[in-house]
Amino acid sequence: MKKVIFTFLCFCLLIGGIKAEVRSESLLDACKSEKIDCVSKEKEDSESLPNVYLFRGEGCTYCNRLITFLDSVIDDYDVNVVVYEVTNNPDNWNYYKKIGALFDFNPSSYPYLVIGEETFDGYASDDDEYILSALSELVDAEKPYDVVDVLATRNDEKPNDSAVVVIILCAVIVMGFYLGFKIKTNN
């Protein structure tokens, strides 16, 4: 019985430290969590639309200004806005760093907006014209660039996370049975 309990505890500790959970939200969800009045609507058939990515910090004034701007214009463009809150989710922060690395950018602050191959670090109303231009280019592109697809393709070259988890899980189970057996023989 001791070895079963020991194995179970090792497994729980191991799995608790492995599973990364990158969580995104919609632009409307970001508006709600920041208590911003939204005017945009949820997109129908959103899976077929190109994505725009926004990395934001909770309570960040510049992030909220960018959210408000995007909310005011996004209904004019057939795109999804995928938002990642990075201050309270270390997995989102690490994801932000991976995305930034694809653009030779080392994230240290927010907001960070990715529209196709265009990026915007920080936000000022002077950026509005450039953001609108990038949105138009993304919508008009025959095959829109999606940085998340590029990242996923690059990650395919690395070991599969589920395979790594299975290998580690097997090692923990074997170790648990071995140590459980050692404890039993010593009693």
Foldseek 3Di string as FASTA:
>chain_A
DQLVVQLVVLLVVVVVPQDADFDKDFLVVVCVQQVHDADADDDPPQVVAAEKEKEAERPDPQSVVVSRLCRVCVNVFSYTYIYGHPPVGVSNVVVVCLLCVVVVHGDDHDTWIGQQPDIDGTDDVVCSVVVVVSRVCQRPDPDGHHSVVVSVVVCVVPDDSVVVSVVVSVVSSVVSVVVVVVVVVVD
